[in-house]
């Protein structure tokens, strides 16, 4: 196999890389703030639901973080 085919095959098994931006940072902080106010942060830790909602908010910015 040539190098190109091997490289493409290796990329298929790796996750995609995301370039983090300031807008994504702000979105994540805002989403986690909303979740903390809803009581989804207990003993300085967010629960699973808070992280799920924050992840959705960062990946789909048009979706409200208050879900």
N, C-alpha and C. Protein backbone atom coordinates (compact mmCIF):
# COMPACT_ATOMS: atom_id res chain seq x y z
N UNK A 1 0.84 -1.19 0.00
CA UNK A 1 0.00 0.00 0.00
C UNK A 1 0.88 1.24 0.00
N UNK A 2 0.39 2.25 -0.65
CA UNK A 2 1.17 3.48 -0.61
C UNK A 2 0.85 4.26 0.67
N UNK A 3 1.65 5.26 0.92
CA UNK A 3 1.55 6.03 2.17
C UNK A 3 0.18 6.69 2.33
N UNK A 4 -0.39 7.21 1.26
CA UNK A 4 -1.68 7.91 1.32
C UNK A 4 -2.79 6.98 1.80
N UNK A 5 -2.84 5.77 1.28
CA UNK A 5 -3.88 4.82 1.67
C UNK A 5 -3.72 4.44 3.14
N UNK A 6 -2.50 4.22 3.58
CA UNK A 6 -2.26 3.89 4.99
C UNK A 6 -2.68 5.04 5.89
N UNK A 7 -2.37 6.26 5.48
CA UNK A 7 -2.73 7.43 6.28
C UNK A 7 -4.24 7.57 6.39
N UNK A 8 -4.96 7.39 5.30
CA UNK A 8 -6.42 7.50 5.32
C UNK A 8 -7.03 6.41 6.20
N UNK A 9 -6.48 5.22 6.14
CA UNK A 9 -7.00 4.13 6.97
C UNK A 9 -6.78 4.43 8.45
N UNK A 10 -5.63 4.99 8.80
CA UNK A 10 -5.36 5.34 10.19
C UNK A 10 -6.29 6.44 10.67
N UNK A 11 -6.59 7.42 9.83
CA UNK A 11 -7.47 8.51 10.21
C UNK A 11 -8.89 8.03 10.48
N UNK A 12 -9.29 6.98 9.81
CA UNK A 12 -10.65 6.46 9.99
C UNK A 12 -10.88 6.00 11.42
N UNK A 13 -9.85 5.55 12.09
CA UNK A 13 -10.00 5.01 13.43
C UNK A 13 -9.73 6.04 14.53
N UNK A 14 -9.30 7.22 14.15
CA UNK A 14 -9.04 8.27 15.14
C UNK A 14 -10.24 9.20 15.22
N UNK A 15 -10.44 9.79 16.39
CA UNK A 15 -11.50 10.77 16.54
C UNK A 15 -11.14 12.06 15.81
N UNK A 16 -12.15 12.85 15.55
CA UNK A 16 -11.86 14.10 14.86
C UNK A 16 -11.34 15.12 15.87
N UNK A 17 -10.45 15.94 15.42
CA UNK A 17 -9.89 16.98 16.28
C UNK A 17 -10.72 18.24 16.16
N UNK A 18 -10.90 18.91 17.25
CA UNK A 18 -11.68 20.15 17.27
C UNK A 18 -10.74 21.28 17.66
N UNK A 19 -10.81 22.36 16.91
CA UNK A 19 -10.06 23.55 17.26
C UNK A 19 -10.95 24.38 18.17
N UNK A 20 -10.54 24.53 19.41
CA UNK A 20 -11.36 25.22 20.41
C UNK A 20 -11.26 26.72 20.18
N UNK A 21 -12.39 27.40 20.30
CA UNK A 21 -12.43 28.85 20.09
C UNK A 21 -12.93 29.55 21.35
N UNK A 22 -12.75 30.85 21.40
CA UNK A 22 -13.26 31.62 22.53
C UNK A 22 -14.78 31.57 22.59
N UNK A 23 -15.43 31.53 21.42
CA UNK A 23 -16.89 31.44 21.39
C UNK A 23 -17.36 30.13 22.01
N UNK A 24 -16.65 29.04 21.73
CA UNK A 24 -17.00 27.75 22.32
C UNK A 24 -16.77 27.77 23.82
N UNK A 25 -15.71 28.42 24.24
CA UNK A 25 -15.41 28.56 25.67
C UNK A 25 -16.53 29.30 26.38
N UNK A 26 -16.97 30.40 25.80
CA UNK A 26 -18.06 31.19 26.39
C UNK A 26 -19.35 30.38 26.43
N UNK A 27 -19.62 29.66 25.36
CA UNK A 27 -20.82 28.83 25.30
C UNK A 27 -20.80 27.76 26.39
N UNK A 28 -19.66 27.11 26.58
CA UNK A 28 -19.53 26.08 27.61
C UNK A 28 -19.72 26.67 29.01
N UNK A 29 -19.09 27.80 29.26
CA UNK A 29 -19.21 28.44 30.57
C UNK A 29 -20.66 28.85 30.84
N UNK A 30 -21.30 29.45 29.83
CA UNK A 30 -22.70 29.86 29.98
C UNK A 30 -23.60 28.66 30.25
N UNK A 31 -23.38 27.57 29.51
CA UNK A 31 -24.20 26.38 29.68
C UNK A 31 -24.02 25.78 31.07
N UNK A 32 -22.78 25.71 31.54
CA UNK A 32 -22.53 25.16 32.87
C UNK A 32 -23.07 26.08 33.96
N UNK A 33 -23.04 27.38 33.73
CA UNK A 33 -23.62 28.32 34.69
C UNK A 33 -25.12 28.10 34.83
N UNK A 34 -25.80 27.92 33.71
CA UNK A 34 -27.24 27.64 33.74
C UNK A 34 -27.50 26.35 34.50
N UNK A 35 -26.69 25.33 34.25
CA UNK A 35 -26.88 24.05 34.92
C UNK A 35 -26.61 24.16 36.43
N UNK A 36 -25.63 24.95 36.82
CA UNK A 36 -25.36 25.16 38.25
C UNK A 36 -26.55 25.83 38.92
N UNK A 37 -27.14 26.81 38.25
CA UNK A 37 -28.30 27.50 38.81
C UNK A 37 -29.52 26.59 38.90
N UNK A 38 -29.57 25.56 38.05
CA UNK A 38 -30.68 24.60 38.10
C UNK A 38 -30.46 23.52 39.15
N UNK A 39 -29.32 23.56 39.82
CA UNK A 39 -29.05 22.58 40.87
C UNK A 39 -28.35 21.33 40.38
N UNK A 40 -27.78 21.38 39.19
CA UNK A 40 -27.07 20.22 38.64
C UNK A 40 -25.59 20.23 38.98
N UNK A 41 -25.23 21.00 40.00
CA UNK A 41 -23.86 21.01 40.52
C UNK A 41 -23.94 20.79 42.02
N UNK A 42 -23.41 19.66 42.45
CA UNK A 42 -23.49 19.28 43.86
C UNK A 42 -22.07 18.99 44.35
N UNK A 43 -21.71 19.55 45.48
CA UNK A 43 -20.37 19.35 46.06
C UNK A 43 -19.26 19.67 45.07
N UNK A 44 -19.38 20.80 44.41
CA UNK A 44 -18.38 21.30 43.46
C UNK A 44 -18.23 20.43 42.22
N UNK A 45 -19.18 19.54 41.95
CA UNK A 45 -19.13 18.67 40.78
C UNK A 45 -20.45 18.76 40.01
N UNK A 46 -20.35 18.83 38.69
CA UNK A 46 -21.55 18.79 37.86
C UNK A 46 -21.98 17.34 37.70
N UNK A 47 -23.30 17.13 37.62
CA UNK A 47 -23.78 15.77 37.38
C UNK A 47 -23.77 15.47 35.88
N UNK A 48 -24.08 14.24 35.53
CA UNK A 48 -24.01 13.80 34.14
C UNK A 48 -24.93 14.61 33.23
N UNK A 49 -26.11 14.94 33.72
CA UNK A 49 -27.06 15.71 32.92
C UNK A 49 -26.49 17.08 32.56
N UNK A 50 -25.82 17.72 33.49
CA UNK A 50 -25.23 19.04 33.23
C UNK A 50 -24.19 18.96 32.12
N UNK A 51 -23.35 17.94 32.16
CA UNK A 51 -22.33 17.78 31.12
C UNK A 51 -22.95 17.47 29.77
N UNK A 52 -24.00 16.67 29.76
CA UNK A 52 -24.68 16.34 28.51
C UNK A 52 -25.26 17.59 27.87
N UNK A 53 -25.94 18.39 28.66
CA UNK A 53 -26.55 19.63 28.14
C UNK A 53 -25.47 20.59 27.67
N UNK A 54 -24.38 20.71 28.41
CA UNK A 54 -23.29 21.61 28.01
C UNK A 54 -22.64 21.14 26.72
N UNK A 55 -22.47 19.84 26.57
CA UNK A 55 -21.89 19.28 25.35
C UNK A 55 -22.78 19.59 24.14
N UNK A 56 -24.07 19.43 24.31
CA UNK A 56 -25.01 19.74 23.23
C UNK A 56 -24.95 21.23 22.90
N UNK A 57 -24.87 22.07 23.92
CA UNK A 57 -24.82 23.52 23.70
C UNK A 57 -23.58 23.92 22.91
N UNK A 58 -22.45 23.29 23.18
CA UNK A 58 -21.22 23.62 22.46
C UNK A 58 -21.27 23.10 21.03
N UNK A 59 -21.80 21.90 20.84
CA UNK A 59 -21.84 21.31 19.50
C UNK A 59 -22.94 21.87 18.62
N UNK A 60 -24.01 22.34 19.22
CA UNK A 60 -25.13 22.91 18.48
C UNK A 60 -25.48 24.25 19.10
N UNK A 61 -24.73 25.31 18.78
CA UNK A 61 -24.91 26.59 19.46
C UNK A 61 -26.30 27.20 19.33
N UNK A 62 -27.06 26.80 18.32
CA UNK A 62 -28.40 27.39 18.17
C UNK A 62 -29.38 26.79 19.16
N UNK A 63 -29.01 25.69 19.83
CA UNK A 63 -29.86 25.05 20.83
C UNK A 63 -29.64 25.75 22.16
N UNK A 64 -30.69 26.02 22.87
CA UNK A 64 -30.59 26.71 24.15
C UNK A 64 -29.89 25.83 25.18
N UNK A 65 -29.05 26.42 25.99
CA UNK A 65 -28.35 25.70 27.05
C UNK A 65 -29.23 25.46 28.26
N UNK A 66 -30.43 26.00 28.25
CA UNK A 66 -31.30 25.87 29.41
C UNK A 66 -32.16 24.61 29.37
N UNK A 67 -31.94 23.74 28.41
CA UNK A 67 -32.75 22.53 28.28
C UNK A 67 -32.58 21.62 29.47
